[in-house]
C-alpha atoms as a PDB file:
ATOM      1  CA  MET A   1       0.000   0.000   0.000  1.00  0.00           C
ATOM      2  CA  ASP A   2       1.245   3.471  -0.902  1.00  0.00           C
ATOM      3  CA  ILE A   3       0.957   5.442   2.344  1.00  0.00           C
ATOM      4  CA  ILE A   4       1.404   8.822   0.657  1.00  0.00           C
ATOM      5  CA  GLU A   5      -1.290   7.931  -1.866  1.00  0.00           C
ATOM      6  CA  GLN A   6      -3.677   7.089   0.983  1.00  0.00           C
ATOM      7  CA  LEU A   7      -2.882  10.321   2.814  1.00  0.00           C
ATOM      8  CA  ASN A   8      -3.590  12.234  -0.372  1.00  0.00           C
ATOM      9  CA  TRP A   9      -6.870  10.318  -0.668  1.00  0.00           C
ATOM     10  CA  ARG A  10      -8.105  11.300   2.800  1.00  0.00           C
ATOM     11  CA  TYR A  11      -9.803  14.590   3.521  1.00  0.00           C
ATOM     12  CA  ALA A  12     -12.130  16.034   6.150  1.00  0.00           C
ATOM     13  CA  THR A  13     -15.296  14.403   4.846  1.00  0.00           C
ATOM     14  CA  LYS A  14     -18.257  16.775   4.611  1.00  0.00           C
ATOM     15  CA  SER A  15     -20.931  14.260   3.641  1.00  0.00           C
ATOM     16  CA  PHE A  16     -21.146  10.576   4.528  1.00  0.00           C
ATOM     17  CA  ASP A  17     -23.154   7.835   2.855  1.00  0.00           C
ATOM     18  CA  SER A  18     -25.420   6.880   5.760  1.00  0.00           C
ATOM     19  CA  LYS A  19     -26.241   3.522   4.149  1.00  0.00           C
ATOM     20  CA  LYS A  20     -22.653   2.285   4.366  1.00  0.00           C
ATOM     21  CA  ILE A  21     -21.595   0.815   7.704  1.00  0.00           C
ATOM     22  CA  ILE A  22     -18.037   0.057   8.790  1.00  0.00           C
ATOM     23  CA  ALA A  23     -17.322  -3.620   9.430  1.00  0.00           C
ATOM     24  CA  GLU A  24     -16.806  -4.602  13.053  1.00  0.00           C
ATOM     25  CA  SER A  25     -13.408  -6.032  12.100  1.00  0.00           C
ATOM     26  CA  ASP A  26     -12.266  -2.554  11.027  1.00  0.00           C
ATOM     27  CA  ILE A  27     -13.710  -0.961  14.168  1.00  0.00           C
ATOM     28  CA  LYS A  28     -11.663  -3.474  16.157  1.00  0.00           C
ATOM     29  CA  ILE A  29      -8.508  -2.393  14.323  1.00  0.00           C
ATOM     30  CA  LEU A  30      -9.271   1.268  15.017  1.00  0.00           C
ATOM     31  CA  THR A  31      -9.907   0.696  18.715  1.00  0.00           C
ATOM     32  CA  GLU A  32      -6.703  -1.306  19.036  1.00  0.00           C
ATOM     33  CA  ALA A  33      -4.831   1.472  17.199  1.00  0.00           C
ATOM     34  CA  PHE A  34      -6.268   3.957  19.683  1.00  0.00           C
ATOM     35  CA  ASN A  35      -5.063   1.853  22.580  1.00  0.00           C
ATOM     36  CA  LEU A  36      -1.587   1.603  21.004  1.00  0.00           C
ATOM     37  CA  THR A  37      -1.244   5.362  20.530  1.00  0.00           C
ATOM     38  CA  ALA A  38       1.799   6.840  22.229  1.00  0.00           C
ATOM     39  CA  THR A  39       1.036   9.059  25.241  1.00  0.00           C
ATOM     40  CA  SER A  40       3.247  11.081  27.542  1.00  0.00           C
ATOM     41  CA  TYR A  41       4.815   8.858  30.241  1.00  0.00           C
ATOM     42  CA  GLY A  42       2.672   6.022  28.854  1.00  0.00           C
ATOM     43  CA  LEU A  43      -0.106   7.035  31.262  1.00  0.00           C
ATOM     44  CA  GLN A  44      -2.973   6.951  28.718  1.00  0.00           C
ATOM     45  CA  PRO A  45      -5.186   9.666  30.272  1.00  0.00           C
ATOM     46  CA  ILE A  46      -7.648   9.241  27.411  1.00  0.00           C
ATOM     47  CA  LYS A  47     -10.611   7.072  26.513  1.00  0.00           C
ATOM     48  CA  LEU A  48     -12.530   6.537  23.290  1.00  0.00           C
ATOM     49  CA  LEU A  49     -16.310   6.315  23.097  1.00  0.00           C
ATOM     50  CA  VAL A  50     -17.559   4.455  20.030  1.00  0.00           C
ATOM     51  CA  ILE A  51     -21.133   5.468  19.198  1.00  0.00           C
ATOM     52  CA  LYS A  52     -23.220   3.705  16.556  1.00  0.00           C
ATOM     53  CA  ASP A  53     -26.691   4.446  17.945  1.00  0.00           C
ATOM     54  CA  LYS A  54     -28.345   6.472  15.176  1.00  0.00           C
ATOM     55  CA  THR A  55     -30.922   7.983  17.528  1.00  0.00           C
ATOM     56  CA  LEU A  56     -28.171   9.238  19.792  1.00  0.00           C
ATOM     57  CA  GLN A  57     -26.114  10.493  16.842  1.00  0.00           C
ATOM     58  CA  LYS A  58     -29.133  12.510  15.695  1.00  0.00           C
ATOM     59  CA  GLN A  59     -29.506  13.980  19.188  1.00  0.00           C
ATOM     60  CA  LEU A  60     -25.874  15.071  19.125  1.00  0.00           C
ATOM     61  CA  VAL A  61     -26.131  17.029  15.865  1.00  0.00           C
ATOM     62  CA  PRO A  62     -27.500  20.251  17.466  1.00  0.00           C
ATOM     63  CA  LEU A  63     -24.732  19.972  20.075  1.00  0.00           C
ATOM     64  CA  SER A  64     -22.195  19.797  17.234  1.00  0.00           C
ATOM     65  CA  PHE A  65     -22.972  23.131  15.569  1.00  0.00           C
ATOM     66  CA  ASN A  66     -25.474  21.229  13.380  1.00  0.00           C
ATOM     67  CA  GLN A  67     -22.718  19.419  11.516  1.00  0.00           C
ATOM     68  CA  LYS A  68     -24.654  16.689   9.725  1.00  0.00           C
ATOM     69  CA  GLN A  69     -21.687  14.315   9.561  1.00  0.00           C
ATOM     70  CA  VAL A  70     -22.320  13.413  13.198  1.00  0.00           C
ATOM     71  CA  GLN A  71     -25.609  11.787  12.206  1.00  0.00           C
ATOM     72  CA  GLU A  72     -24.688  10.536   8.728  1.00  0.00           C
ATOM     73  CA  ALA A  73     -21.509   8.737   9.745  1.00  0.00           C
ATOM     74  CA  SER A  74     -21.374   5.004  10.335  1.00  0.00           C
ATOM     75  CA  HIS A  75     -19.863   5.598  13.779  1.00  0.00           C
ATOM     76  CA  LEU A  76     -19.020   8.592  15.927  1.00  0.00           C
ATOM     77  CA  PHE A  77     -15.791   8.571  17.902  1.00  0.00           C
ATOM     78  CA  VAL A  78     -15.733  10.756  21.019  1.00  0.00           C
ATOM     79  CA  PHE A  79     -12.261  11.360  22.442  1.00  0.00           C
ATOM     80  CA  CYS A  80     -12.305  11.886  26.190  1.00  0.00           C
ATOM     81  CA  ILE A  81      -9.825  12.686  28.924  1.00  0.00           C
ATOM     82  CA  ASP A  82      -9.775  11.439  32.487  1.00  0.00           C
ATOM     83  CA  SER A  83     -10.899  14.148  34.875  1.00  0.00           C
ATOM     84  CA  LYS A  84      -9.486  12.414  37.942  1.00  0.00           C
ATOM     85  CA  MET A  85      -5.724  12.262  37.459  1.00  0.00           C
ATOM     86  CA  ASP A  86      -4.577  11.701  41.019  1.00  0.00           C
ATOM     87  CA  THR A  87      -2.082   9.466  42.814  1.00  0.00           C
ATOM     88  CA  PRO A  88      -4.109   6.241  42.251  1.00  0.00           C
ATOM     89  CA  PHE A  89      -4.246   7.138  38.543  1.00  0.00           C
ATOM     90  CA  VAL A  90      -0.432   7.270  38.405  1.00  0.00           C
ATOM     91  CA  LEU A  91       0.034   4.177  40.569  1.00  0.00           C
ATOM     92  CA  ASP A  92      -2.307   2.202  38.329  1.00  0.00           C
ATOM     93  CA  TYR A  93       0.183   2.615  35.483  1.00  0.00           C
ATOM     94  CA  PHE A  94       3.105   1.341  37.563  1.00  0.00           C
ATOM     95  CA  ASN A  95       1.063  -1.608  38.835  1.00  0.00           C
ATOM     96  CA  ARG A  96       0.398  -2.503  35.211  1.00  0.00           C
ATOM     97  CA  VAL A  97       4.106  -2.238  34.353  1.00  0.00           C
ATOM     98  CA  LYS A  98       4.888  -4.486  37.314  1.00  0.00           C
ATOM     99  CA  GLU A  99       2.296  -7.036  36.238  1.00  0.00           C
ATOM    100  CA  ILE A 100       3.266  -7.139  32.553  1.00  0.00           C
ATOM    101  CA  ARG A 101       7.039  -6.684  32.726  1.00  0.00           C
ATOM    102  CA  ASN A 102       7.783  -7.804  36.279  1.00  0.00           C
ATOM    103  CA  THR A 103      10.089  -4.787  36.616  1.00  0.00           C
ATOM    104  CA  PRO A 104      11.823  -4.644  40.030  1.00  0.00           C
ATOM    105  CA  ASN A 105      10.585  -1.965  42.452  1.00  0.00           C
ATOM    106  CA  GLU A 106      14.057  -0.479  42.784  1.00  0.00           C
ATOM    107  CA  ILE A 107      13.884   0.430  39.092  1.00  0.00           C
ATOM    108  CA  LEU A 108      10.260   1.624  39.109  1.00  0.00           C
ATOM    109  CA  ASP A 109      10.204   3.577  42.364  1.00  0.00           C
ATOM    110  CA  PRO A 110      12.318   6.636  41.409  1.00  0.00           C
ATOM    111  CA  PHE A 111      10.206   7.367  38.321  1.00  0.00           C
ATOM    112  CA  LYS A 112       6.994   6.485  40.142  1.00  0.00           C
ATOM    113  CA  ASN A 113       7.768   8.853  43.002  1.00  0.00           C
ATOM    114  CA  PHE A 114       8.658  11.615  40.574  1.00  0.00           C
ATOM    115  CA  LEU A 115       5.366  11.299  38.694  1.00  0.00           C
ATOM    116  CA  VAL A 116       3.295  11.132  41.892  1.00  0.00           C
ATOM    117  CA  GLN A 117       4.899  14.360  43.117  1.00  0.00           C
ATOM    118  CA  ASP A 118       4.671  15.991  39.692  1.00  0.00           C
ATOM    119  CA  PHE A 119       0.956  15.299  39.295  1.00  0.00           C
ATOM    120  CA  ASP A 120       0.277  16.281  42.884  1.00  0.00           C
ATOM    121  CA  SER A 121       1.787  19.699  42.173  1.00  0.00           C
ATOM    122  CA  LYS A 122      -0.208  20.329  38.980  1.00  0.00           C
ATOM    123  CA  THR A 123      -3.482  22.229  38.897  1.00  0.00           C
ATOM    124  CA  GLN A 124      -6.568  20.550  37.462  1.00  0.00           C
ATOM    125  CA  ILE A 125      -6.379  22.865  34.457  1.00  0.00           C
ATOM    126  CA  ASP A 126      -2.739  21.872  33.873  1.00  0.00           C
ATOM    127  CA  LYS A 127      -3.635  18.188  34.045  1.00  0.00           C
ATOM    128  CA  GLU A 128      -6.547  18.538  31.641  1.00  0.00           C
ATOM    129  CA  THR A 129      -4.473  20.597  29.199  1.00  0.00           C
ATOM    130  CA  TRP A 130      -1.802  17.897  29.248  1.00  0.00           C
ATOM    131  CA  ALA A 131      -4.361  15.121  28.791  1.00  0.00           C
ATOM    132  CA  THR A 132      -6.049  16.937  25.901  1.00  0.00           C
ATOM    133  CA  LYS A 133      -2.734  17.025  24.051  1.00  0.00           C
ATOM    134  CA  GLN A 134      -2.643  13.234  24.341  1.00  0.00           C
ATOM    135  CA  ALA A 135      -6.138  13.062  22.837  1.00  0.00           C
ATOM    136  CA  TYR A 136      -4.887  14.989  19.807  1.00  0.00           C
ATOM    137  CA  LEU A 137      -2.099  12.431  19.383  1.00  0.00           C
ATOM    138  CA  ALA A 138      -4.689   9.658  19.354  1.00  0.00           C
ATOM    139  CA  LEU A 139      -6.925  11.492  16.905  1.00  0.00           C
ATOM    140  CA  GLY A 140      -4.026  12.030  14.507  1.00  0.00           C
ATOM    141  CA  ASN A 141      -3.066   8.380  14.760  1.00  0.00           C
ATOM    142  CA  LEU A 142      -6.606   7.212  14.004  1.00  0.00           C
ATOM    143  CA  MET A 143      -6.936   9.589  11.050  1.00  0.00           C
ATOM    144  CA  THR A 144      -3.945   7.854   9.465  1.00  0.00           C
ATOM    145  CA  VAL A 145      -5.197   4.371  10.277  1.00  0.00           C
ATOM    146  CA  CYS A 146      -8.594   5.274   8.796  1.00  0.00           C
ATOM    147  CA  ALA A 147      -6.893   6.375   5.592  1.00  0.00           C
ATOM    148  CA  LEU A 148      -4.996   3.086   5.384  1.00  0.00           C
ATOM    149  CA  LEU A 149      -8.302   1.219   5.773  1.00  0.00           C
ATOM    150  CA  ASN A 150     -10.058   3.385   3.150  1.00  0.00           C
ATOM    151  CA  ILE A 151     -12.346   4.738   5.857  1.00  0.00           C
ATOM    152  CA  ASP A 152     -13.340   8.383   5.737  1.00  0.00           C
ATOM    153  CA  ALA A 153     -13.170  10.636   8.778  1.00  0.00           C
ATOM    154  CA  CYS A 154     -13.805  14.200   9.829  1.00  0.00           C
ATOM    155  CA  PRO A 155     -11.984  15.437  12.950  1.00  0.00           C
ATOM    156  CA  MET A 156     -13.968  18.065  14.838  1.00  0.00           C
ATOM    157  CA  GLU A 157     -13.419  20.515  17.666  1.00  0.00           C
ATOM    158  CA  GLY A 158     -16.730  22.252  16.965  1.00  0.00           C
ATOM    159  CA  PHE A 159     -19.138  20.838  19.535  1.00  0.00           C
ATOM    160  CA  SER A 160     -20.399  21.657  23.016  1.00  0.00           C
ATOM    161  CA  THR A 161     -18.233  19.634  25.366  1.00  0.00           C
ATOM    162  CA  LYS A 162     -20.478  20.529  28.299  1.00  0.00           C
ATOM    163  CA  ASP A 163     -23.610  19.257  26.537  1.00  0.00           C
ATOM    164  CA  TYR A 164     -21.874  16.120  25.260  1.00  0.00           C
ATOM    165  CA  ASP A 165     -20.677  15.356  28.778  1.00  0.00           C
ATOM    166  CA  ALA A 166     -24.228  15.763  30.084  1.00  0.00           C
ATOM    167  CA  ILE A 167     -26.054  13.666  27.475  1.00  0.00           C
ATOM    168  CA  LEU A 168     -23.426  10.907  27.641  1.00  0.00           C
ATOM    169  CA  ASN A 169     -23.263  10.958  31.473  1.00  0.00           C
ATOM    170  CA  LEU A 170     -19.500  11.310  31.304  1.00  0.00           C
ATOM    171  CA  GLU A 171     -19.164  12.824  34.766  1.00  0.00           C
ATOM    172  CA  LYS A 172     -20.138   9.463  36.271  1.00  0.00           C
ATOM    173  CA  LEU A 173     -17.196   7.943  34.410  1.00  0.00           C
ATOM    174  CA  ASN A 174     -14.793  10.715  35.476  1.00  0.00           C
ATOM    175  CA  LEU A 175     -14.450  11.710  31.827  1.00  0.00           C
ATOM    176  CA  LYS A 176     -14.633  14.897  29.781  1.00  0.00           C
ATOM    177  CA  SER A 177     -15.106  15.038  26.012  1.00  0.00           C
ATOM    178  CA  VAL A 178     -12.511  17.041  24.083  1.00  0.00           C
ATOM    179  CA  LEU A 179     -12.696  15.942  20.414  1.00  0.00           C
ATOM    180  CA  ILE A 180     -15.072  14.079  18.123  1.00  0.00           C
ATOM    181  CA  MET A 181     -14.594  12.295  14.810  1.00  0.00           C
ATOM    182  CA  PRO A 182     -17.386  10.882  12.663  1.00  0.00           C
ATOM    183  CA  ILE A 183     -16.140   7.986  10.520  1.00  0.00           C
ATOM    184  CA  GLY A 184     -17.683   6.111   7.609  1.00  0.00           C
ATOM    185  CA  TYR A 185     -17.672   6.320   3.832  1.00  0.00           C
ATOM    186  CA  ARG A 186     -17.926   9.471   1.737  1.00  0.00           C
ATOM    187  CA  ALA A 187     -21.107  10.239  -0.152  1.00  0.00           C
ATOM    188  CA  GLU A 188     -20.795  10.310  -3.932  1.00  0.00           C
ATOM    189  CA  ASP A 189     -22.089  13.883  -4.029  1.00  0.00           C
ATOM    190  CA  ASP A 190     -19.536  15.267  -1.551  1.00  0.00           C
ATOM    191  CA  PHE A 191     -17.877  17.853  -3.780  1.00  0.00           C
ATOM    192  CA  MET A 192     -14.906  18.101  -1.414  1.00  0.00           C
ATOM    193  CA  SER A 193     -13.804  14.592  -2.340  1.00  0.00           C
ATOM    194  CA  LYS A 194     -13.004  15.675  -5.902  1.00  0.00           C
ATOM    195  CA  LEU A 195     -10.870  18.678  -4.952  1.00  0.00           C
ATOM    196  CA  LYS A 196      -7.090  18.682  -4.918  1.00  0.00           C
ATOM    197  CA  LYS A 197      -5.341  19.045  -1.596  1.00  0.00           C
ATOM    198  CA  VAL A 198      -4.095  22.504  -0.734  1.00  0.00           C
ATOM    199  CA  ARG A 199      -0.749  22.294   1.020  1.00  0.00           C
ATOM    200  CA  LYS A 200       2.436  24.330   1.134  1.00  0.00           C
ATOM    201  CA  PRO A 201       5.331  23.072  -0.988  1.00  0.00           C
ATOM    202  CA  ILE A 202       7.163  20.532   1.151  1.00  0.00           C
ATOM    203  CA  GLU A 203      10.321  22.669   1.189  1.00  0.00           C
ATOM    204  CA  GLU A 204       8.303  25.349   2.983  1.00  0.00           C
ATOM    205  CA  SER A 205       6.992  23.036   5.682  1.00  0.00           C
ATOM    206  CA  VAL A 206      10.000  20.783   6.266  1.00  0.00           C
ATOM    207  CA  ILE A 207      13.514  21.906   7.174  1.00  0.00           C
ATOM    208  CA  ILE A 208      16.279  19.347   6.695  1.00  0.00           C
ATOM    209  CA  TRP A 209      18.914  20.373   9.201  1.00  0.00           C
ATOM    210  CA  LYS A 210      22.418  20.077   7.795  1.00  0.00           C
END
């Protein structure tokens, strides 16, 4: 597969074919890709909601600046951050490292103690800003994976996070929504799919340091 060709193929889809549904096998690949996304310290302060309930998707359209892709898409991905990033949150990561790698405590403890103190000193706003950056990493990763699977996607910041959190009962899960991405297959009449990409010449966006 030509990766550059696929990245040229992808675009922020404006109209989805609501009759076309993504296979569960591809959804499984996308969710595994999300879980494999790199995050700072490996702490994974993010979660992905996968919505395929058409009634719910329709309800979310007015909360998404009336962007119709939210309803038309096969699935709606909602990228969330943990709102409770405390000492148990940090320790959970190190317990997992211990369980999977059997790393000795004398190796884990210095880094563990540093992170516990670091997170304890951060404000809630600082923690959520940090976690949101990790959500963007995951979104970028999934956009690429979608392109490789010939799945269309439209990343969005334009939605009411407060209203999404309320309708999805995210507070009970200690989560906050930060990004959404409808995914599916482009409609034949989406004029954007026929347009050439507009990008700077590569020599203007990439500097090869010599």
